[in-house]
Amino acid sequence: MSNPGDPQRSQHDRGYYGAGWSQPAPPAGAPQQPGGAYGGPQQYGGPQQSGVPYGAPQGGPYRGPQYGGSAPAPRPPRTPADPRRAFAPGASVRNTAGALIAVVSIVLVEFVSGLVGLLGASFVVHPFASYGAGGSLVGGFVSGVFATPFPFYAGAFLALAFLTPVDRRSPLPTVLLRAVLAGAAGTIALALVGVFTGTFSAVRSGGAQLLIDVVTRPLQSGVPFTLMLIATSTAAWLWLGRPRGGRRAPGAPGTPGTVRPADAVPPATVQPSSQQGQAGAQGAQVPPYAPPQPPSNPWGGPAPR
């Protein structure tokens, strides 16, 4: 029988490095690997030492992956634009929505107006018949509603979306001024397109055609479109949610001091004297709680001999 404190016996019973009974101890004189009975990463050829995670560089502690460069500096907070200024550069979903409401409303008004004129003229002239310079009613409708004023639509939309937005925080006079500036941007877009169209027309009709396409026709279309843009921008401002009224007058409903605060504790319905008497009677009838005491000799007396 071996000595319980013999290190050889304990090593034989528990296996090599505590790995289990299925692995025998190495022969005497064999070098021991620091990875344990299973060999750790050394058994599979891993370049790892004892106490160092797999894949870490030897000769120092494991510090995780290192990335070059320094962390980017945080961006400074963007200052919000003044809602009372005429120009407020910037792009946002709300600004785009306001621009779409204002410009699409003008397109709808022009579409309904041109459709009424097309239906009225179709009673006299066939809608697809050519007349005058070779155009038709449908061609004139498409050109007058969509093609010709398209530069104004594009210029006004870009101005309202990026330069003069219909901001719900802005007062109404500022919104109207921004609508006028957007209408001026659309009129300038019409004049820029008239430079190209008037140049080709001036070759055949003279220089007066260039003046008409650059000045007269842009103003003829831009002025009514700007007036409609003022109305549609006001509608978009109301739709997006205009700012509420100013400060309320003292004593107005909803101001502090006009509503009586609710009582936190309801009034007592039972007199204090009767409550104390009932509590004393209950205390006299119910004995105080006492925990059970363990028996002095739970195992009984000594056995007889």
Protein backbone atom coordinates (compact mmCIF):
# COMPACT_ATOMS: atom_id res chain seq x y z
CA MET A 1 0.00 0.00 0.00
CA SER A 2 1.55 3.28 -1.06
CA ASN A 3 1.91 6.39 0.99
CA PRO A 4 -0.97 8.88 0.42
CA GLY A 5 1.48 11.74 0.44
CA ASP A 6 3.76 10.16 -2.14
CA PRO A 7 4.03 12.59 -5.11
CA GLN A 8 4.54 9.70 -7.54
CA ARG A 9 1.26 8.10 -6.50
CA SER A 10 -0.69 11.33 -6.76
CA GLN A 11 0.87 12.02 -10.14
CA HIS A 12 -0.07 8.52 -11.35
CA ASP A 13 -3.64 8.72 -10.08
CA ARG A 14 -4.54 12.07 -11.51
CA GLY A 15 -2.70 11.66 -14.82
CA TYR A 16 -0.33 14.05 -16.46
CA TYR A 17 -1.06 17.64 -15.35
CA GLY A 18 -4.60 16.72 -14.28
CA ALA A 19 -5.72 15.99 -17.85
CA GLY A 20 -7.50 12.70 -16.87
CA TRP A 21 -6.91 9.00 -16.39
CA SER A 22 -6.75 8.23 -20.12
CA GLN A 23 -3.31 9.80 -20.59
CA PRO A 24 -0.27 8.16 -19.04
CA ALA A 25 2.52 10.11 -17.50
CA PRO A 26 5.56 10.78 -19.72
CA PRO A 27 8.64 8.65 -19.22
CA ALA A 28 11.30 9.80 -16.86
CA GLY A 29 13.68 12.30 -18.36
CA ALA A 30 11.31 13.39 -21.13
CA PRO A 31 11.00 17.19 -21.56
CA GLN A 32 7.67 18.56 -20.45
CA GLN A 33 5.70 20.87 -22.68
CA PRO A 34 4.13 23.93 -21.06
CA GLY A 35 0.85 23.38 -22.92
CA GLY A 36 -0.47 20.53 -20.72
CA ALA A 37 -1.50 16.96 -21.51
CA TYR A 38 -3.10 17.87 -24.82
CA GLY A 39 -0.08 19.77 -25.88
CA GLY A 40 -2.08 22.98 -26.44
CA PRO A 41 -1.08 24.83 -29.54
CA GLN A 42 2.38 23.17 -29.49
CA GLN A 43 0.77 19.83 -30.39
CA TYR A 44 -0.50 21.38 -33.63
CA GLY A 45 2.62 23.40 -34.25
CA GLY A 46 1.30 26.69 -32.87
CA PRO A 47 3.94 29.24 -31.83
CA GLN A 48 2.54 29.77 -28.35
CA GLN A 49 3.95 29.70 -24.88
CA SER A 50 2.29 28.95 -21.57
CA GLY A 51 0.02 31.76 -20.44
CA VAL A 52 0.02 33.53 -23.84
CA PRO A 53 -3.13 33.38 -26.04
CA TYR A 54 -2.89 31.64 -29.38
CA GLY A 55 -1.63 33.89 -32.11
CA ALA A 56 -0.12 36.49 -29.75
CA PRO A 57 3.48 37.62 -30.36
CA GLN A 58 6.01 35.96 -28.09
CA GLY A 59 8.19 37.90 -25.75
CA GLY A 60 5.49 40.18 -24.34
CA PRO A 61 1.93 40.27 -23.08
CA TYR A 62 -0.98 40.02 -25.45
CA ARG A 63 -2.41 43.46 -26.11
CA GLY A 64 -4.88 42.77 -28.89
CA PRO A 65 -4.71 44.04 -32.47
CA GLN A 66 -2.95 47.30 -33.01
CA TYR A 67 -4.18 49.68 -35.68
CA GLY A 68 -2.15 52.49 -37.11
CA GLY A 69 -3.12 56.13 -36.95
CA SER A 70 -4.92 58.12 -34.31
CA ALA A 71 -8.63 58.44 -33.66
CA PRO A 72 -10.34 61.15 -35.73
CA ALA A 73 -11.12 64.33 -33.89
CA PRO A 74 -14.83 64.88 -33.18
CA ARG A 75 -16.58 67.33 -35.45
CA PRO A 76 -17.66 70.60 -33.92
CA PRO A 77 -21.42 70.96 -33.42
CA ARG A 78 -23.20 72.60 -36.31
CA THR A 79 -24.73 75.95 -35.46
CA PRO A 80 -28.41 76.14 -36.46
CA ALA A 81 -29.34 78.71 -39.09
CA ASP A 82 -31.15 81.87 -38.07
CA PRO A 83 -34.84 81.37 -38.92
CA ARG A 84 -35.28 85.12 -39.53
CA ARG A 85 -32.63 85.48 -42.21
CA ALA A 86 -33.57 85.54 -45.88
CA PHE A 87 -30.91 82.98 -46.82
CA ALA A 88 -30.49 79.80 -44.81
CA PRO A 89 -28.15 77.45 -46.74
CA GLY A 90 -28.47 73.79 -45.95
CA ALA A 91 -30.28 70.65 -46.98
CA SER A 92 -32.70 68.57 -44.95
CA VAL A 93 -35.71 66.35 -45.46
CA ARG A 94 -38.07 69.02 -44.15
CA ASN A 95 -36.69 71.66 -46.53
CA THR A 96 -37.08 69.28 -49.47
CA ALA A 97 -40.64 68.47 -48.44
CA GLY A 98 -41.54 72.17 -48.27
CA ALA A 99 -40.01 72.81 -51.69
CA LEU A 100 -41.91 69.88 -53.21
CA ILE A 101 -45.22 71.07 -51.75
CA ALA A 102 -44.71 74.60 -53.08
CA VAL A 103 -43.53 73.69 -56.59
CA VAL A 104 -45.82 70.72 -57.19
CA SER A 105 -48.79 72.89 -56.21
CA ILE A 106 -47.88 75.32 -59.02
CA VAL A 107 -47.65 72.41 -61.48
CA LEU A 108 -51.08 71.19 -60.42
CA VAL A 109 -52.58 74.66 -60.83
CA GLU A 110 -51.08 74.98 -64.31
CA PHE A 111 -52.24 71.48 -65.21
CA VAL A 112 -55.84 72.15 -64.20
CA SER A 113 -55.84 75.53 -65.93
CA GLY A 114 -54.37 74.12 -69.16
CA LEU A 115 -56.74 71.15 -69.10
CA VAL A 116 -59.76 73.44 -68.87
CA GLY A 117 -58.46 75.45 -71.83
CA LEU A 118 -57.80 72.24 -73.79
CA LEU A 119 -61.34 70.96 -73.22
CA GLY A 120 -62.81 74.32 -74.27
CA ALA A 121 -60.78 74.50 -77.49
CA SER A 122 -61.49 70.86 -78.39
CA PHE A 123 -65.13 71.75 -79.11
CA VAL A 124 -63.96 73.85 -82.06
CA VAL A 125 -60.66 72.25 -83.14
CA HIS A 126 -59.70 68.59 -82.98
CA PRO A 127 -57.16 68.08 -80.15
CA PHE A 128 -54.68 66.23 -82.39
CA ALA A 129 -55.23 68.30 -85.56
CA SER A 130 -52.42 70.59 -86.68
CA TYR A 131 -53.09 74.28 -86.95
CA GLY A 132 -51.10 77.52 -87.26
CA ALA A 133 -47.37 76.74 -87.34
CA GLY A 134 -47.97 73.00 -87.33
CA GLY A 135 -48.77 72.40 -83.66
CA SER A 136 -51.78 70.72 -82.07
CA LEU A 137 -53.84 71.39 -78.97
CA VAL A 138 -52.27 68.50 -77.08
CA GLY A 139 -48.77 69.60 -78.10
CA GLY A 140 -49.47 73.15 -76.98
CA PHE A 141 -50.89 71.83 -73.67
CA VAL A 142 -47.78 69.76 -72.91
CA SER A 143 -45.45 72.56 -73.95
CA GLY A 144 -47.27 75.27 -72.00
CA VAL A 145 -47.72 73.26 -68.78
CA PHE A 146 -44.53 71.20 -68.54
CA ALA A 147 -41.81 71.95 -71.13
CA THR A 148 -41.70 75.76 -71.27
CA PRO A 149 -41.96 76.54 -67.52
CA PHE A 150 -39.74 73.62 -66.49
CA PRO A 151 -36.67 75.87 -65.91
CA PHE A 152 -38.74 77.93 -63.49
CA TYR A 153 -39.85 74.78 -61.64
CA ALA A 154 -36.27 73.53 -61.35
CA GLY A 155 -34.79 76.87 -60.25
CA ALA A 156 -37.50 77.53 -57.66
CA PHE A 157 -37.23 74.02 -56.26
CA LEU A 158 -33.44 74.20 -55.87
CA ALA A 159 -33.69 77.59 -54.21
CA LEU A 160 -36.37 76.47 -51.76
CA ALA A 161 -34.59 73.22 -50.96
CA PHE A 162 -31.04 74.57 -50.41
CA LEU A 163 -31.00 78.38 -50.07
CA THR A 164 -34.35 79.83 -49.00
CA PRO A 165 -36.23 76.98 -47.30
CA VAL A 166 -39.79 77.07 -46.07
CA ASP A 167 -38.85 76.62 -42.43
CA ARG A 168 -41.66 76.17 -39.94
CA ARG A 169 -39.63 78.08 -37.33
CA SER A 170 -39.48 81.19 -39.53
CA PRO A 171 -42.12 83.90 -39.25
CA LEU A 172 -44.49 84.45 -42.14
CA PRO A 173 -42.80 87.62 -43.51
CA THR A 174 -39.51 85.72 -43.79
CA VAL A 175 -41.25 82.85 -45.59
CA LEU A 176 -42.81 85.29 -48.07
CA LEU A 177 -39.45 86.94 -48.71
CA ARG A 178 -37.87 83.55 -49.35
CA ALA A 179 -40.67 82.69 -51.79
CA VAL A 180 -40.00 85.90 -53.72
CA LEU A 181 -36.28 85.07 -53.87
CA ALA A 182 -37.07 81.55 -55.09
CA GLY A 183 -39.35 83.01 -57.77
CA ALA A 184 -36.50 85.32 -58.84
CA ALA A 185 -34.22 82.28 -59.09
CA GLY A 186 -36.77 80.54 -61.33
CA THR A 187 -37.08 83.64 -63.52
CA ILE A 188 -33.30 83.79 -63.90
CA ALA A 189 -33.35 80.13 -64.95
CA LEU A 190 -35.87 80.99 -67.66
CA ALA A 191 -33.62 83.83 -68.85
CA LEU A 192 -30.60 81.53 -69.03
CA VAL A 193 -32.50 79.08 -71.18
CA GLY A 194 -33.70 82.01 -73.31
CA VAL A 195 -30.09 82.88 -74.08
CA PHE A 196 -29.66 79.62 -76.01
CA THR A 197 -33.07 79.62 -77.67
CA GLY A 198 -32.84 83.32 -78.56
CA THR A 199 -29.41 82.89 -80.08
CA PHE A 200 -30.67 80.35 -82.59
CA SER A 201 -33.77 82.43 -83.31
CA ALA A 202 -31.76 85.62 -83.79
CA VAL A 203 -29.90 84.06 -86.71
CA ARG A 204 -33.14 83.83 -88.68
CA SER A 205 -35.29 86.61 -87.20
CA GLY A 206 -32.78 89.24 -86.07
CA GLY A 207 -31.45 90.41 -82.69
CA ALA A 208 -34.88 91.38 -81.38
CA GLN A 209 -35.73 87.72 -80.86
CA LEU A 210 -32.83 87.39 -78.43
CA LEU A 211 -34.18 90.27 -76.36
CA ILE A 212 -37.62 88.67 -76.29
CA ASP A 213 -36.35 85.27 -75.14
CA VAL A 214 -34.01 86.70 -72.51
CA VAL A 215 -36.11 89.51 -70.98
CA THR A 216 -39.72 89.62 -72.12
CA ARG A 217 -40.82 86.00 -71.96
CA PRO A 218 -39.04 85.15 -68.68
CA LEU A 219 -40.73 88.11 -66.98
CA GLN A 220 -44.08 87.27 -68.58
CA SER A 221 -43.97 83.77 -67.07
CA GLY A 222 -41.94 84.48 -63.94
CA VAL A 223 -44.19 87.16 -62.41
CA PRO A 224 -47.39 85.05 -62.23
CA PHE A 225 -45.40 81.99 -61.18
CA THR A 226 -43.79 83.98 -58.37
CA LEU A 227 -47.19 85.13 -57.11
CA MET A 228 -48.40 81.53 -57.12
CA LEU A 229 -45.20 80.47 -55.39
CA ILE A 230 -45.89 82.91 -52.58
CA ALA A 231 -49.30 81.33 -52.02
CA THR A 232 -48.03 77.76 -52.24
CA SER A 233 -45.10 78.50 -49.90
CA THR A 234 -47.53 79.86 -47.34
CA ALA A 235 -49.58 76.68 -47.67
CA ALA A 236 -46.44 74.58 -47.23
CA TRP A 237 -45.49 76.62 -44.15
CA LEU A 238 -48.90 75.96 -42.63
CA TRP A 239 -48.74 72.28 -43.59
CA LEU A 240 -45.33 71.72 -42.02
CA GLY A 241 -46.47 73.33 -38.78
CA ARG A 242 -46.09 77.05 -38.19
CA PRO A 243 -44.78 78.25 -34.82
CA ARG A 244 -47.39 78.83 -32.18
CA GLY A 245 -48.38 82.20 -30.78
CA GLY A 246 -46.17 84.26 -28.49
CA ARG A 247 -46.29 84.44 -24.75
CA ARG A 248 -49.65 84.06 -23.10
CA ALA A 249 -51.06 86.84 -21.04
CA PRO A 250 -50.94 86.44 -17.24
CA GLY A 251 -54.00 84.63 -16.01
CA ALA A 252 -54.73 82.94 -19.34
CA PRO A 253 -55.91 79.33 -19.18
CA GLY A 254 -53.00 76.94 -18.88
CA THR A 255 -50.52 79.38 -17.34
CA PRO A 256 -48.97 78.60 -13.95
CA GLY A 257 -51.14 79.67 -11.04
CA THR A 258 -54.48 79.38 -12.82
CA VAL A 259 -55.07 75.69 -12.08
CA ARG A 260 -55.67 74.60 -8.49
CA PRO A 261 -53.13 71.89 -7.58
CA ALA A 262 -54.63 68.51 -6.77
CA ASP A 263 -54.50 67.29 -3.17
CA ALA A 264 -51.74 64.74 -2.71
CA VAL A 265 -53.41 63.05 0.32
CA PRO A 266 -57.21 62.59 0.54
CA PRO A 267 -58.93 63.69 3.76
CA ALA A 268 -59.24 61.08 6.51
CA THR A 269 -62.63 59.38 6.85
CA VAL A 270 -61.98 57.68 10.24
CA GLN A 271 -61.29 59.58 13.44
CA PRO A 272 -57.78 59.11 14.85
CA SER A 273 -59.13 58.20 18.33
CA SER A 274 -61.20 55.31 17.00
CA GLN A 275 -58.25 54.07 14.93
CA GLN A 276 -56.01 54.02 18.00
CA GLY A 277 -58.69 52.23 20.06
CA GLN A 278 -59.09 49.53 17.43
CA ALA A 279 -55.34 49.07 17.14
CA GLY A 280 -55.08 48.68 20.98
CA ALA A 281 -57.89 46.11 21.07
CA GLN A 282 -56.32 44.07 18.31
CA GLY A 283 -52.96 44.18 20.08
CA ALA A 284 -54.53 42.93 23.31
CA GLN A 285 -56.31 40.01 21.63
CA VAL A 286 -53.43 38.75 19.47
CA PRO A 287 -50.39 37.56 21.47
CA PRO A 288 -46.98 38.57 20.23
CA TYR A 289 -45.22 36.16 17.94
CA ALA A 290 -42.60 33.96 19.59
CA PRO A 291 -40.33 31.69 17.57
CA PRO A 292 -40.41 27.96 18.49
CA GLN A 293 -37.65 26.76 20.82
CA PRO A 294 -35.67 23.62 19.88
CA PRO A 295 -35.85 20.63 22.28
CA SER A 296 -33.14 20.44 24.88
CA ASN A 297 -32.26 16.79 24.09
CA PRO A 298 -33.43 15.80 20.59
CA TRP A 299 -31.66 12.42 20.62
CA GLY A 300 -33.11 11.16 23.88
CA GLY A 301 -31.32 9.84 26.97
CA PRO A 302 -28.47 7.40 27.10
CA ALA A 303 -29.12 3.87 25.94
CA PRO A 304 -29.48 1.22 28.72
CA ARG A 305 -26.56 -1.10 29.24
